[in-house]
Amino acid sequence: MPKDPETGKKPNNPEAEALAARVTELLKYQPDIEVRLTKCLSLCSKPIAWALDNPERHATTFAPATTAEDMAATAKLYLSTPLGEKMPKKDLPKEVKPTLISRIPPFKA
């Protein structure tokens, strides 16, 4: 995507914006989840990378994104996993399993 001539920044991907809006709608009754767009997760060759992060949970990245429904189900699984433990890959939605890129353990201060 070309940079905006006024700001010098690349605009958000419209497909990513629509996906984020749909995930937000699906998770509107989950007060512990905030959906945010970011410019880069260093997975440039993969369309629409996404991540889950919490200071007390494993940060987890995925690419490419599948569906908003899969992402919302994964986010709910993430919150239901005991603190400090990895989300069980076997419990991920079928289409999400092969998109798992990394897990980073939580850092304790």
N, C-alpha and C. Protein backbone atom coordinates (compact mmCIF):
# COMPACT_ATOMS: atom_id res chain seq x y z
N MET A 1 0.84 -1.18 0.00
CA MET A 1 0.00 0.00 0.00
C MET A 1 0.89 1.25 0.00
N PRO A 2 0.56 2.21 -0.83
CA PRO A 2 1.37 3.43 -0.85
C PRO A 2 1.14 4.28 0.40
N LYS A 3 2.13 5.07 0.72
CA LYS A 3 2.03 5.96 1.89
C LYS A 3 1.08 7.12 1.60
N ASP A 4 0.43 7.60 2.64
CA ASP A 4 -0.44 8.76 2.54
C ASP A 4 0.45 9.98 2.30
N PRO A 5 0.20 10.77 1.25
CA PRO A 5 1.08 11.91 0.97
C PRO A 5 1.07 12.98 2.07
N GLU A 6 -0.02 13.07 2.82
CA GLU A 6 -0.10 14.08 3.89
C GLU A 6 0.62 13.65 5.15
N THR A 7 0.48 12.38 5.54
CA THR A 7 1.07 11.92 6.80
C THR A 7 2.40 11.20 6.60
N GLY A 8 2.64 10.69 5.39
CA GLY A 8 3.86 9.92 5.14
C GLY A 8 3.78 8.51 5.70
N LYS A 9 2.60 8.10 6.15
CA LYS A 9 2.42 6.77 6.73
C LYS A 9 1.54 5.92 5.84
N LYS A 10 1.73 4.61 5.94
CA LYS A 10 0.85 3.70 5.21
C LYS A 10 -0.50 3.65 5.91
N PRO A 11 -1.59 3.66 5.16
CA PRO A 11 -2.90 3.53 5.79
C PRO A 11 -3.13 2.10 6.26
N ASN A 12 -4.09 1.93 7.15
CA ASN A 12 -4.45 0.58 7.58
C ASN A 12 -5.01 -0.20 6.40
N ASN A 13 -4.78 -1.49 6.41
CA ASN A 13 -5.33 -2.38 5.41
C ASN A 13 -6.85 -2.44 5.62
N PRO A 14 -7.66 -2.10 4.61
CA PRO A 14 -9.12 -2.12 4.78
C PRO A 14 -9.65 -3.50 5.18
N GLU A 15 -9.02 -4.56 4.66
CA GLU A 15 -9.44 -5.91 5.03
C GLU A 15 -9.17 -6.17 6.52
N ALA A 16 -8.03 -5.71 7.00
CA ALA A 16 -7.70 -5.86 8.42
C ALA A 16 -8.65 -5.04 9.28
N GLU A 17 -8.98 -3.83 8.83
CA GLU A 17 -9.93 -3.00 9.59
C GLU A 17 -11.29 -3.68 9.70
N ALA A 18 -11.78 -4.24 8.60
CA ALA A 18 -13.07 -4.92 8.62
C ALA A 18 -13.03 -6.15 9.52
N LEU A 19 -11.95 -6.89 9.46
CA LEU A 19 -11.79 -8.07 10.31
C LEU A 19 -11.76 -7.67 11.79
N ALA A 20 -11.01 -6.63 12.12
CA ALA A 20 -10.94 -6.15 13.51
C ALA A 20 -12.31 -5.68 14.00
N ALA A 21 -13.05 -5.01 13.14
CA ALA A 21 -14.39 -4.54 13.52
C ALA A 21 -15.32 -5.73 13.81
N ARG A 22 -15.23 -6.76 12.99
CA ARG A 22 -16.08 -7.94 13.19
C ARG A 22 -15.68 -8.70 14.47
N VAL A 23 -14.39 -8.83 14.73
CA VAL A 23 -13.93 -9.48 15.96
C VAL A 23 -14.40 -8.67 17.17
N THR A 24 -14.28 -7.36 17.08
CA THR A 24 -14.74 -6.48 18.17
C THR A 24 -16.22 -6.71 18.45
N GLU A 25 -17.01 -6.81 17.39
CA GLU A 25 -18.45 -7.05 17.55
C GLU A 25 -18.71 -8.40 18.21
N LEU A 26 -17.99 -9.42 17.78
CA LEU A 26 -18.18 -10.76 18.36
C LEU A 26 -17.76 -10.83 19.83
N LEU A 27 -16.84 -9.97 20.22
CA LEU A 27 -16.32 -9.99 21.60
C LEU A 27 -16.84 -8.84 22.45
N LYS A 28 -17.91 -8.20 22.02
CA LYS A 28 -18.38 -7.00 22.73
C LYS A 28 -18.78 -7.27 24.18
N TYR A 29 -19.08 -8.50 24.51
CA TYR A 29 -19.45 -8.82 25.90
C TYR A 29 -18.28 -9.42 26.68
N GLN A 30 -17.09 -9.31 26.15
CA GLN A 30 -15.87 -9.79 26.79
C GLN A 30 -15.07 -8.56 27.24
N PRO A 31 -15.31 -8.05 28.45
CA PRO A 31 -14.65 -6.81 28.86
C PRO A 31 -13.13 -6.90 29.00
N ASP A 32 -12.60 -8.11 29.06
CA ASP A 32 -11.15 -8.28 29.24
C ASP A 32 -10.39 -8.31 27.93
N ILE A 33 -11.07 -8.07 26.81
CA ILE A 33 -10.42 -8.14 25.51
C ILE A 33 -10.53 -6.80 24.80
N GLU A 34 -9.40 -6.32 24.31
CA GLU A 34 -9.36 -5.11 23.50
C GLU A 34 -8.76 -5.48 22.15
N VAL A 35 -9.44 -5.14 21.08
CA VAL A 35 -8.95 -5.39 19.73
C VAL A 35 -8.29 -4.11 19.24
N ARG A 36 -7.03 -4.22 18.83
CA ARG A 36 -6.29 -3.06 18.32
C ARG A 36 -5.57 -3.43 17.03
N LEU A 37 -5.53 -2.47 16.11
CA LEU A 37 -4.75 -2.66 14.89
C LEU A 37 -3.34 -2.14 15.12
N THR A 38 -2.38 -2.79 14.53
CA THR A 38 -1.00 -2.33 14.58
C THR A 38 -0.42 -2.48 13.18
N LYS A 39 0.59 -1.72 12.89
CA LYS A 39 1.14 -1.73 11.53
C LYS A 39 1.95 -2.97 11.21
N CYS A 40 2.65 -3.55 12.17
CA CYS A 40 3.57 -4.63 11.80
C CYS A 40 3.80 -5.60 12.95
N LEU A 41 3.74 -6.89 12.62
CA LEU A 41 4.15 -7.94 13.55
C LEU A 41 5.34 -8.70 12.98
N SER A 42 6.03 -8.08 12.03
CA SER A 42 7.21 -8.67 11.37
C SER A 42 6.91 -9.99 10.67
N LEU A 43 5.73 -10.12 10.17
CA LEU A 43 5.34 -11.28 9.37
C LEU A 43 4.87 -10.78 8.00
N CYS A 44 5.71 -9.98 7.38
CA CYS A 44 5.35 -9.24 6.17
C CYS A 44 4.87 -10.12 5.02
N SER A 45 5.38 -11.33 4.92
CA SER A 45 4.98 -12.19 3.81
C SER A 45 3.63 -12.88 4.04
N LYS A 46 3.08 -12.72 5.23
CA LYS A 46 1.80 -13.34 5.57
C LYS A 46 0.71 -12.26 5.62
N PRO A 47 -0.41 -12.49 4.96
CA PRO A 47 -1.48 -11.49 5.03
C PRO A 47 -2.16 -11.49 6.41
N ILE A 48 -2.27 -10.34 6.98
CA ILE A 48 -2.96 -10.10 8.26
C ILE A 48 -2.52 -11.05 9.37
N ALA A 49 -1.38 -10.75 9.93
CA ALA A 49 -0.93 -11.44 11.14
C ALA A 49 -1.71 -10.87 12.32
N TRP A 50 -1.87 -11.67 13.38
CA TRP A 50 -2.56 -11.19 14.58
C TRP A 50 -1.95 -11.85 15.80
N ALA A 51 -2.18 -11.23 16.95
CA ALA A 51 -1.56 -11.71 18.17
C ALA A 51 -2.49 -11.54 19.36
N LEU A 52 -2.22 -12.33 20.38
CA LEU A 52 -2.89 -12.21 21.68
C LEU A 52 -1.79 -11.95 22.70
N ASP A 53 -2.03 -11.00 23.59
CA ASP A 53 -1.01 -10.66 24.57
C ASP A 53 -1.65 -10.22 25.88
N ASN A 54 -1.01 -10.62 26.96
CA ASN A 54 -1.43 -10.28 28.31
C ASN A 54 -0.19 -10.46 29.18
N PRO A 55 0.08 -9.55 30.11
CA PRO A 55 1.31 -9.66 30.91
C PRO A 55 1.46 -10.98 31.67
N GLU A 56 0.35 -11.66 31.95
CA GLU A 56 0.42 -12.89 32.74
C GLU A 56 0.16 -14.15 31.91
N ARG A 57 0.13 -13.99 30.58
CA ARG A 57 -0.14 -15.13 29.70
C ARG A 57 0.91 -15.18 28.60
N HIS A 58 1.02 -16.30 27.94
CA HIS A 58 1.92 -16.42 26.80
C HIS A 58 1.44 -15.49 25.68
N ALA A 59 2.32 -14.64 25.18
CA ALA A 59 2.00 -13.87 23.98
C ALA A 59 2.02 -14.86 22.82
N THR A 60 1.03 -14.79 21.97
CA THR A 60 0.87 -15.78 20.91
C THR A 60 0.59 -15.07 19.60
N THR A 61 1.31 -15.45 18.54
CA THR A 61 1.10 -14.83 17.23
C THR A 61 0.60 -15.87 16.23
N PHE A 62 -0.17 -15.37 15.28
CA PHE A 62 -0.77 -16.20 14.24
C PHE A 62 -0.68 -15.48 12.90
N ALA A 63 -0.58 -16.24 11.83
CA ALA A 63 -0.66 -15.67 10.48
C ALA A 63 -0.80 -16.82 9.50
N PRO A 64 -1.60 -16.64 8.49
CA PRO A 64 -2.50 -15.52 8.25
C PRO A 64 -3.77 -15.66 9.08
N ALA A 65 -4.51 -14.56 9.15
CA ALA A 65 -5.79 -14.59 9.85
C ALA A 65 -6.76 -15.49 9.07
N THR A 66 -7.65 -16.14 9.78
CA THR A 66 -8.65 -16.99 9.13
C THR A 66 -9.97 -16.22 9.08
N THR A 67 -10.80 -16.39 10.09
CA THR A 67 -12.08 -15.66 10.12
C THR A 67 -12.22 -14.94 11.46
N ALA A 68 -13.11 -13.98 11.49
CA ALA A 68 -13.38 -13.27 12.75
C ALA A 68 -13.91 -14.24 13.80
N GLU A 69 -14.72 -15.19 13.38
CA GLU A 69 -15.27 -16.17 14.32
C GLU A 69 -14.16 -17.02 14.94
N ASP A 70 -13.21 -17.44 14.10
CA ASP A 70 -12.07 -18.21 14.62
C ASP A 70 -11.24 -17.36 15.59
N MET A 71 -11.02 -16.11 15.23
CA MET A 71 -10.21 -15.24 16.08
C MET A 71 -10.90 -15.00 17.42
N ALA A 72 -12.21 -14.78 17.40
CA ALA A 72 -12.95 -14.57 18.64
C ALA A 72 -12.92 -15.83 19.51
N ALA A 73 -13.10 -17.00 18.90
CA ALA A 73 -13.05 -18.25 19.66
C ALA A 73 -11.67 -18.47 20.27
N THR A 74 -10.63 -18.11 19.52
CA THR A 74 -9.27 -18.26 20.02
C THR A 74 -9.02 -17.30 21.18
N ALA A 75 -9.52 -16.08 21.07
CA ALA A 75 -9.36 -15.10 22.16
C ALA A 75 -10.05 -15.58 23.43
N LYS A 76 -11.22 -16.17 23.29
CA LYS A 76 -11.93 -16.70 24.46
C LYS A 76 -11.16 -17.87 25.08
N LEU A 77 -10.60 -18.74 24.24
CA LEU A 77 -9.77 -19.84 24.74
C LEU A 77 -8.56 -19.29 25.48
N TYR A 78 -7.96 -18.25 24.92
CA TYR A 78 -6.79 -17.61 25.52
C TYR A 78 -7.11 -17.16 26.95
N LEU A 79 -8.25 -16.50 27.12
CA LEU A 79 -8.62 -16.02 28.46
C LEU A 79 -9.02 -17.15 29.40
N SER A 80 -9.46 -18.27 28.87
CA SER A 80 -9.87 -19.37 29.74
C SER A 80 -8.70 -20.27 30.14
N THR A 81 -7.56 -20.09 29.50
CA THR A 81 -6.38 -20.88 29.83
C THR A 81 -5.79 -20.37 31.15
N PRO A 82 -5.44 -21.24 32.07
CA PRO A 82 -4.88 -20.79 33.35
C PRO A 82 -3.65 -19.89 33.14
N LEU A 83 -3.52 -18.90 34.01
CA LEU A 83 -2.39 -17.98 33.92
C LEU A 83 -1.08 -18.74 33.89
N GLY A 84 -0.17 -18.29 33.05
CA GLY A 84 1.15 -18.88 32.97
C GLY A 84 1.23 -20.14 32.11
N GLU A 85 0.09 -20.66 31.67
CA GLU A 85 0.10 -21.87 30.84
C GLU A 85 -0.17 -21.52 29.38
N LYS A 86 0.33 -22.36 28.47
CA LYS A 86 0.08 -22.17 27.05
C LYS A 86 -1.34 -22.63 26.71
N MET A 87 -1.94 -21.95 25.74
CA MET A 87 -3.21 -22.44 25.20
C MET A 87 -2.94 -23.80 24.57
N PRO A 88 -3.74 -24.79 24.86
CA PRO A 88 -3.52 -26.09 24.23
C PRO A 88 -3.80 -26.00 22.72
N LYS A 89 -2.82 -26.33 21.91
CA LYS A 89 -2.99 -26.26 20.46
C LYS A 89 -4.16 -27.14 20.01
N LYS A 90 -4.36 -28.27 20.69
CA LYS A 90 -5.44 -29.19 20.32
C LYS A 90 -6.82 -28.54 20.46
N ASP A 91 -6.93 -27.49 21.29
CA ASP A 91 -8.22 -26.83 21.52
C ASP A 91 -8.46 -25.64 20.59
N LEU A 92 -7.47 -25.27 19.81
CA LEU A 92 -7.64 -24.16 18.87
C LEU A 92 -8.62 -24.55 17.78
N PRO A 93 -9.35 -23.56 17.22
CA PRO A 93 -10.20 -23.87 16.08
C PRO A 93 -9.36 -24.53 14.98
N LYS A 94 -9.96 -25.46 14.26
CA LYS A 94 -9.26 -26.26 13.25
C LYS A 94 -8.46 -25.40 12.27
N GLU A 95 -9.04 -24.32 11.78
CA GLU A 95 -8.38 -23.48 10.79
C GLU A 95 -7.26 -22.63 11.40
N VAL A 96 -7.28 -22.43 12.70
CA VAL A 96 -6.27 -21.61 13.38
C VAL A 96 -5.00 -22.41 13.68
N LYS A 97 -5.15 -23.68 13.96
CA LYS A 97 -3.99 -24.51 14.35
C LYS A 97 -2.78 -24.32 13.44
N PRO A 98 -2.92 -24.42 12.11
CA PRO A 98 -1.73 -24.30 11.26
C PRO A 98 -1.19 -22.87 11.14
N THR A 99 -1.91 -21.90 11.69
CA THR A 99 -1.46 -20.51 11.59
C THR A 99 -0.67 -20.05 12.81
N LEU A 100 -0.54 -20.92 13.82
CA LEU A 100 0.21 -20.57 15.03
C LEU A 100 1.68 -20.36 14.67
N ILE A 101 2.20 -19.18 14.97
CA ILE A 101 3.58 -18.83 14.64
C ILE A 101 4.49 -18.94 15.86
N SER A 102 4.09 -18.32 16.98
CA SER A 102 4.97 -18.33 18.14
C SER A 102 4.20 -18.18 19.44
N ARG A 103 4.88 -18.63 20.49
CA ARG A 103 4.39 -18.42 21.87
C ARG A 103 5.59 -17.90 22.66
N ILE A 104 5.35 -16.84 23.39
CA ILE A 104 6.41 -16.26 24.22
C ILE A 104 5.91 -16.28 25.66
N PRO A 105 6.65 -16.93 26.57
CA PRO A 105 6.19 -17.01 27.95
C PRO A 105 6.07 -15.63 28.59
N PRO A 106 5.18 -15.51 29.57
CA PRO A 106 5.06 -14.23 30.25
C PRO A 106 6.33 -13.91 31.03
N PHE A 107 6.64 -12.64 31.08
CA PHE A 107 7.81 -12.19 31.85
C PHE A 107 7.34 -11.76 33.23
N LYS A 108 7.99 -12.23 34.24
CA LYS A 108 7.66 -11.84 35.61
C LYS A 108 8.60 -10.74 36.03
N ALA A 109 8.07 -9.70 36.63
CA ALA A 109 8.89 -8.56 37.07
C ALA A 109 9.65 -8.90 38.34
